[in-house]
């Protein structure tokens, strides 16, 4: 298996697997529903959430809807996640978790609307860079960095080798991230 195949397998495994930890009830419910692309359940869960958890639910709705070919739902949900996370980031500019998810949402916006890559690519990179400055060994920061490096064309700084390194670091960091209350990915 070549490095690209290994990275794709690893990134898909990391991106859709969940974890059941104490204090993780809402995020675990989101991750379980997203793991089976259950958009209806994700919307039901989202109705009871606010703040960061709601933004994560919107992101997972967008991902699930896109994978099921429901592009309008995906675009609406990613925009909702982005709007909420930008407000949260304004009010809590040092929260690395908000920045990591926001960087991922910007990146996924590009996947849904590639023409906007020239706008959202730099926003994602800047937001991720800010998160790295605050907490460089945060597993979600490393995961998003790996996803970004894997999906970014080489001419814009993407690299399968850099993606592999970030994913490898994320795996190690996740093993030490047992009680964060943000354990997704």
C-alpha atoms as a PDB file:
ATOM      1  CA  UNK A   1       0.000   0.000   0.000  1.00  0.00           C
ATOM      2  CA  UNK A   2       1.525   3.352  -0.997  1.00  0.00           C
ATOM      3  CA  UNK A   3       1.707   6.372   1.318  1.00  0.00           C
ATOM      4  CA  UNK A   4      -1.306   8.086  -0.291  1.00  0.00           C
ATOM      5  CA  UNK A   5      -3.463   4.998   0.245  1.00  0.00           C
ATOM      6  CA  UNK A   6      -2.280   4.700   3.846  1.00  0.00           C
ATOM      7  CA  UNK A   7      -2.989   8.385   4.477  1.00  0.00           C
ATOM      8  CA  UNK A   8      -6.457   8.187   2.964  1.00  0.00           C
ATOM      9  CA  UNK A   9      -7.311   5.142   5.064  1.00  0.00           C
ATOM     10  CA  UNK A  10      -5.887   6.751   8.198  1.00  0.00           C
ATOM     11  CA  UNK A  11      -7.622  10.090   7.619  1.00  0.00           C
ATOM     12  CA  UNK A  12     -10.999   8.437   7.019  1.00  0.00           C
ATOM     13  CA  UNK A  13     -10.585   6.311  10.143  1.00  0.00           C
ATOM     14  CA  UNK A  14      -9.623   9.322  12.247  1.00  0.00           C
ATOM     15  CA  UNK A  15     -12.298  11.578  10.756  1.00  0.00           C
ATOM     16  CA  UNK A  16     -15.300   9.354  11.442  1.00  0.00           C
ATOM     17  CA  UNK A  17     -14.341   7.420  14.544  1.00  0.00           C
ATOM     18  CA  UNK A  18     -15.675   8.539  17.892  1.00  0.00           C
ATOM     19  CA  UNK A  19     -14.673   7.993  21.466  1.00  0.00           C
ATOM     20  CA  UNK A  20     -16.685   7.365  24.617  1.00  0.00           C
ATOM     21  CA  UNK A  21     -15.171   9.216  27.540  1.00  0.00           C
ATOM     22  CA  UNK A  22     -16.600  10.618  30.760  1.00  0.00           C
ATOM     23  CA  UNK A  23     -18.031  14.107  30.174  1.00  0.00           C
ATOM     24  CA  UNK A  24     -18.399  13.425  26.506  1.00  0.00           C
ATOM     25  CA  UNK A  25     -22.112  12.672  26.318  1.00  0.00           C
ATOM     26  CA  UNK A  26     -23.108  15.281  23.733  1.00  0.00           C
ATOM     27  CA  UNK A  27     -20.041  14.913  21.577  1.00  0.00           C
ATOM     28  CA  UNK A  28     -20.305  11.125  21.719  1.00  0.00           C
ATOM     29  CA  UNK A  29     -23.926  11.280  20.558  1.00  0.00           C
ATOM     30  CA  UNK A  30     -22.892  13.532  17.677  1.00  0.00           C
ATOM     31  CA  UNK A  31     -20.006  11.261  16.705  1.00  0.00           C
ATOM     32  CA  UNK A  32     -22.129   8.096  16.873  1.00  0.00           C
ATOM     33  CA  UNK A  33     -24.817   9.574  14.622  1.00  0.00           C
ATOM     34  CA  UNK A  34     -22.189  10.955  12.229  1.00  0.00           C
ATOM     35  CA  UNK A  35     -20.470   7.568  12.113  1.00  0.00           C
ATOM     36  CA  UNK A  36     -23.562   6.130  10.394  1.00  0.00           C
ATOM     37  CA  UNK A  37     -24.416   9.352   8.494  1.00  0.00           C
ATOM     38  CA  UNK A  38     -27.722   9.703  10.377  1.00  0.00           C
ATOM     39  CA  UNK A  39     -28.680  13.251   9.428  1.00  0.00           C
ATOM     40  CA  UNK A  40     -32.097  13.016  11.075  1.00  0.00           C
ATOM     41  CA  UNK A  41     -30.548  11.978  14.391  1.00  0.00           C
ATOM     42  CA  UNK A  42     -27.886  14.677  14.096  1.00  0.00           C
ATOM     43  CA  UNK A  43     -30.595  17.314  13.611  1.00  0.00           C
ATOM     44  CA  UNK A  44     -32.495  15.960  16.616  1.00  0.00           C
ATOM     45  CA  UNK A  45     -29.344  16.110  18.733  1.00  0.00           C
ATOM     46  CA  UNK A  46     -28.545  19.624  17.471  1.00  0.00           C
ATOM     47  CA  UNK A  47     -31.952  20.894  18.582  1.00  0.00           C
ATOM     48  CA  UNK A  48     -30.883  20.396  22.214  1.00  0.00           C
ATOM     49  CA  UNK A  49     -27.409  21.920  21.923  1.00  0.00           C
ATOM     50  CA  UNK A  50     -25.762  25.320  21.980  1.00  0.00           C
ATOM     51  CA  UNK A  51     -22.307  26.794  21.593  1.00  0.00           C
ATOM     52  CA  UNK A  52     -19.397  24.600  20.579  1.00  0.00           C
ATOM     53  CA  UNK A  53     -21.400  21.370  20.687  1.00  0.00           C
ATOM     54  CA  UNK A  54     -23.988  22.836  18.316  1.00  0.00           C
ATOM     55  CA  UNK A  55     -21.244  23.965  15.944  1.00  0.00           C
ATOM     56  CA  UNK A  56     -19.783  20.446  15.964  1.00  0.00           C
ATOM     57  CA  UNK A  57     -23.244  19.019  15.246  1.00  0.00           C
ATOM     58  CA  UNK A  58     -23.676  21.408  12.295  1.00  0.00           C
ATOM     59  CA  UNK A  59     -20.244  20.373  10.980  1.00  0.00           C
ATOM     60  CA  UNK A  60     -21.142  16.685  11.258  1.00  0.00           C
ATOM     61  CA  UNK A  61     -24.518  17.314   9.571  1.00  0.00           C
ATOM     62  CA  UNK A  62     -22.654  19.002   6.704  1.00  0.00           C
ATOM     63  CA  UNK A  63     -20.195  16.124   6.388  1.00  0.00           C
ATOM     64  CA  UNK A  64     -22.915  13.465   6.555  1.00  0.00           C
ATOM     65  CA  UNK A  65     -25.212  15.291   4.130  1.00  0.00           C
ATOM     66  CA  UNK A  66     -22.414  15.761   1.622  1.00  0.00           C
ATOM     67  CA  UNK A  67     -21.462  12.093   1.794  1.00  0.00           C
ATOM     68  CA  UNK A  68     -25.116  11.205   1.160  1.00  0.00           C
ATOM     69  CA  UNK A  69     -25.330  13.550  -1.836  1.00  0.00           C
ATOM     70  CA  UNK A  70     -27.461  16.166  -0.062  1.00  0.00           C
ATOM     71  CA  UNK A  71     -25.362  19.156  -1.097  1.00  0.00           C
ATOM     72  CA  UNK A  72     -27.866  21.925  -0.199  1.00  0.00           C
ATOM     73  CA  UNK A  73     -28.187  20.563   3.360  1.00  0.00           C
ATOM     74  CA  UNK A  74     -24.403  20.275   3.593  1.00  0.00           C
ATOM     75  CA  UNK A  75     -23.839  23.857   2.458  1.00  0.00           C
ATOM     76  CA  UNK A  76     -26.480  25.255   4.812  1.00  0.00           C
ATOM     77  CA  UNK A  77     -25.075  23.320   7.769  1.00  0.00           C
ATOM     78  CA  UNK A  78     -21.452  24.281   7.124  1.00  0.00           C
ATOM     79  CA  UNK A  79     -22.507  27.930   6.936  1.00  0.00           C
ATOM     80  CA  UNK A  80     -24.361  27.582  10.257  1.00  0.00           C
ATOM     81  CA  UNK A  81     -21.292  25.987  11.851  1.00  0.00           C
ATOM     82  CA  UNK A  82     -19.057  28.725  10.471  1.00  0.00           C
ATOM     83  CA  UNK A  83     -21.290  31.556  11.668  1.00  0.00           C
ATOM     84  CA  UNK A  84     -21.543  30.124  15.176  1.00  0.00           C
ATOM     85  CA  UNK A  85     -17.828  29.338  15.457  1.00  0.00           C
ATOM     86  CA  UNK A  86     -16.818  32.785  14.250  1.00  0.00           C
ATOM     87  CA  UNK A  87     -18.980  34.329  16.993  1.00  0.00           C
ATOM     88  CA  UNK A  88     -17.536  31.950  19.577  1.00  0.00           C
ATOM     89  CA  UNK A  89     -14.005  32.743  18.387  1.00  0.00           C
ATOM     90  CA  UNK A  90     -14.665  36.475  18.761  1.00  0.00           C
ATOM     91  CA  UNK A  91     -15.823  36.034  22.346  1.00  0.00           C
ATOM     92  CA  UNK A  92     -13.139  33.467  23.278  1.00  0.00           C
ATOM     93  CA  UNK A  93     -10.097  34.245  21.112  1.00  0.00           C
ATOM     94  CA  UNK A  94      -7.763  32.003  23.128  1.00  0.00           C
ATOM     95  CA  UNK A  95      -9.919  28.872  22.899  1.00  0.00           C
ATOM     96  CA  UNK A  96      -7.884  26.419  20.861  1.00  0.00           C
ATOM     97  CA  UNK A  97     -10.820  24.017  20.473  1.00  0.00           C
ATOM     98  CA  UNK A  98     -12.962  26.648  18.769  1.00  0.00           C
ATOM     99  CA  UNK A  99     -10.079  27.573  16.471  1.00  0.00           C
ATOM    100  CA  UNK A 100      -9.369  23.939  15.521  1.00  0.00           C
ATOM    101  CA  UNK A 101     -12.993  23.259  14.611  1.00  0.00           C
ATOM    102  CA  UNK A 102     -13.300  26.596  12.810  1.00  0.00           C
ATOM    103  CA  UNK A 103     -10.195  25.840  10.733  1.00  0.00           C
ATOM    104  CA  UNK A 104     -11.722  22.471   9.812  1.00  0.00           C
ATOM    105  CA  UNK A 105     -15.051  24.100   8.919  1.00  0.00           C
ATOM    106  CA  UNK A 106     -13.279  26.600   6.647  1.00  0.00           C
ATOM    107  CA  UNK A 107     -11.491  23.703   5.002  1.00  0.00           C
ATOM    108  CA  UNK A 108     -14.706  21.770   4.510  1.00  0.00           C
ATOM    109  CA  UNK A 109     -16.333  24.852   3.022  1.00  0.00           C
ATOM    110  CA  UNK A 110     -13.713  24.544   0.275  1.00  0.00           C
ATOM    111  CA  UNK A 111     -14.638  20.897  -0.277  1.00  0.00           C
ATOM    112  CA  UNK A 112     -18.271  21.937  -0.742  1.00  0.00           C
ATOM    113  CA  UNK A 113     -17.485  24.952  -2.917  1.00  0.00           C
ATOM    114  CA  UNK A 114     -13.957  24.687  -4.402  1.00  0.00           C
ATOM    115  CA  UNK A 115     -14.127  28.099  -6.079  1.00  0.00           C
ATOM    116  CA  UNK A 116     -14.008  29.630  -2.581  1.00  0.00           C
ATOM    117  CA  UNK A 117     -10.655  28.002  -1.835  1.00  0.00           C
ATOM    118  CA  UNK A 118      -8.747  31.197  -2.525  1.00  0.00           C
ATOM    119  CA  UNK A 119     -10.741  32.893   0.252  1.00  0.00           C
ATOM    120  CA  UNK A 120     -11.225  30.115   2.808  1.00  0.00           C
ATOM    121  CA  UNK A 121      -7.838  28.444   2.358  1.00  0.00           C
ATOM    122  CA  UNK A 122      -5.922  31.346   3.902  1.00  0.00           C
ATOM    123  CA  UNK A 123      -8.607  31.761   6.605  1.00  0.00           C
ATOM    124  CA  UNK A 124      -8.278  28.094   7.510  1.00  0.00           C
ATOM    125  CA  UNK A 125      -4.468  28.269   7.555  1.00  0.00           C
ATOM    126  CA  UNK A 126      -4.455  31.426   9.677  1.00  0.00           C
ATOM    127  CA  UNK A 127      -6.967  30.020  12.160  1.00  0.00           C
ATOM    128  CA  UNK A 128      -5.078  26.735  12.393  1.00  0.00           C
ATOM    129  CA  UNK A 129      -1.796  28.590  12.862  1.00  0.00           C
ATOM    130  CA  UNK A 130      -3.339  30.542  15.754  1.00  0.00           C
ATOM    131  CA  UNK A 131      -4.523  27.295  17.319  1.00  0.00           C
ATOM    132  CA  UNK A 132      -1.046  25.761  16.925  1.00  0.00           C
ATOM    133  CA  UNK A 133       0.501  28.776  18.636  1.00  0.00           C
ATOM    134  CA  UNK A 134      -1.809  28.344  21.618  1.00  0.00           C
ATOM    135  CA  UNK A 135      -1.538  24.561  21.940  1.00  0.00           C
ATOM    136  CA  UNK A 136       0.726  22.844  19.378  1.00  0.00           C
ATOM    137  CA  UNK A 137       0.137  19.325  20.736  1.00  0.00           C
ATOM    138  CA  UNK A 138      -3.651  19.491  20.835  1.00  0.00           C
ATOM    139  CA  UNK A 139      -4.909  16.340  19.081  1.00  0.00           C
ATOM    140  CA  UNK A 140      -7.688  18.125  17.187  1.00  0.00           C
ATOM    141  CA  UNK A 141      -5.247  20.792  16.008  1.00  0.00           C
ATOM    142  CA  UNK A 142      -2.924  18.054  14.762  1.00  0.00           C
ATOM    143  CA  UNK A 143      -5.814  16.166  13.139  1.00  0.00           C
ATOM    144  CA  UNK A 144      -7.021  19.281  11.307  1.00  0.00           C
ATOM    145  CA  UNK A 145      -3.429  20.050  10.293  1.00  0.00           C
ATOM    146  CA  UNK A 146      -3.115  16.564   8.806  1.00  0.00           C
ATOM    147  CA  UNK A 147      -6.422  16.838   6.972  1.00  0.00           C
ATOM    148  CA  UNK A 148      -5.417  20.251   5.650  1.00  0.00           C
ATOM    149  CA  UNK A 149      -1.983  19.105   4.491  1.00  0.00           C
ATOM    150  CA  UNK A 150      -3.505  16.039   2.836  1.00  0.00           C
ATOM    151  CA  UNK A 151      -6.200  17.963   0.946  1.00  0.00           C
ATOM    152  CA  UNK A 152      -4.213  21.078   0.028  1.00  0.00           C
ATOM    153  CA  UNK A 153      -2.490  21.017  -3.375  1.00  0.00           C
ATOM    154  CA  UNK A 154       1.298  20.967  -3.128  1.00  0.00           C
ATOM    155  CA  UNK A 155       1.636  24.370  -4.780  1.00  0.00           C
ATOM    156  CA  UNK A 156      -0.318  25.819  -1.832  1.00  0.00           C
ATOM    157  CA  UNK A 157       1.651  24.016   0.874  1.00  0.00           C
ATOM    158  CA  UNK A 158       0.005  20.586   0.946  1.00  0.00           C
ATOM    159  CA  UNK A 159       2.114  17.491   1.485  1.00  0.00           C
ATOM    160  CA  UNK A 160       1.299  13.833   2.065  1.00  0.00           C
ATOM    161  CA  UNK A 161       4.447  13.475   4.163  1.00  0.00           C
ATOM    162  CA  UNK A 162       3.472  16.457   6.368  1.00  0.00           C
ATOM    163  CA  UNK A 163      -0.053  15.021   6.611  1.00  0.00           C
ATOM    164  CA  UNK A 164       1.301  11.656   7.713  1.00  0.00           C
ATOM    165  CA  UNK A 165       3.482  13.322  10.383  1.00  0.00           C
ATOM    166  CA  UNK A 166       0.556  15.380  11.708  1.00  0.00           C
ATOM    167  CA  UNK A 167      -1.722  12.316  11.797  1.00  0.00           C
ATOM    168  CA  UNK A 168       0.967  10.321  13.595  1.00  0.00           C
ATOM    169  CA  UNK A 169       1.364  13.114  16.162  1.00  0.00           C
ATOM    170  CA  UNK A 170      -2.440  13.348  16.522  1.00  0.00           C
ATOM    171  CA  UNK A 171      -2.697   9.643  17.352  1.00  0.00           C
ATOM    172  CA  UNK A 172      -0.143  10.073  20.125  1.00  0.00           C
ATOM    173  CA  UNK A 173      -1.810  13.253  21.394  1.00  0.00           C
ATOM    174  CA  UNK A 174      -5.264  11.621  21.443  1.00  0.00           C
ATOM    175  CA  UNK A 175      -3.972   8.929  23.801  1.00  0.00           C
ATOM    176  CA  UNK A 176      -3.126  11.692  26.305  1.00  0.00           C
ATOM    177  CA  UNK A 177      -6.384  13.647  25.804  1.00  0.00           C
ATOM    178  CA  UNK A 178      -8.757  11.629  27.929  1.00  0.00           C
ATOM    179  CA  UNK A 179     -10.591  14.346  29.837  1.00  0.00           C
ATOM    180  CA  UNK A 180     -10.752  17.336  27.506  1.00  0.00           C
ATOM    181  CA  UNK A 181     -14.572  17.351  27.038  1.00  0.00           C
ATOM    182  CA  UNK A 182     -13.823  18.091  23.371  1.00  0.00           C
ATOM    183  CA  UNK A 183     -12.752  14.587  22.391  1.00  0.00           C
ATOM    184  CA  UNK A 184     -13.864  14.189  18.775  1.00  0.00           C
ATOM    185  CA  UNK A 185     -12.088  13.088  15.682  1.00  0.00           C
END
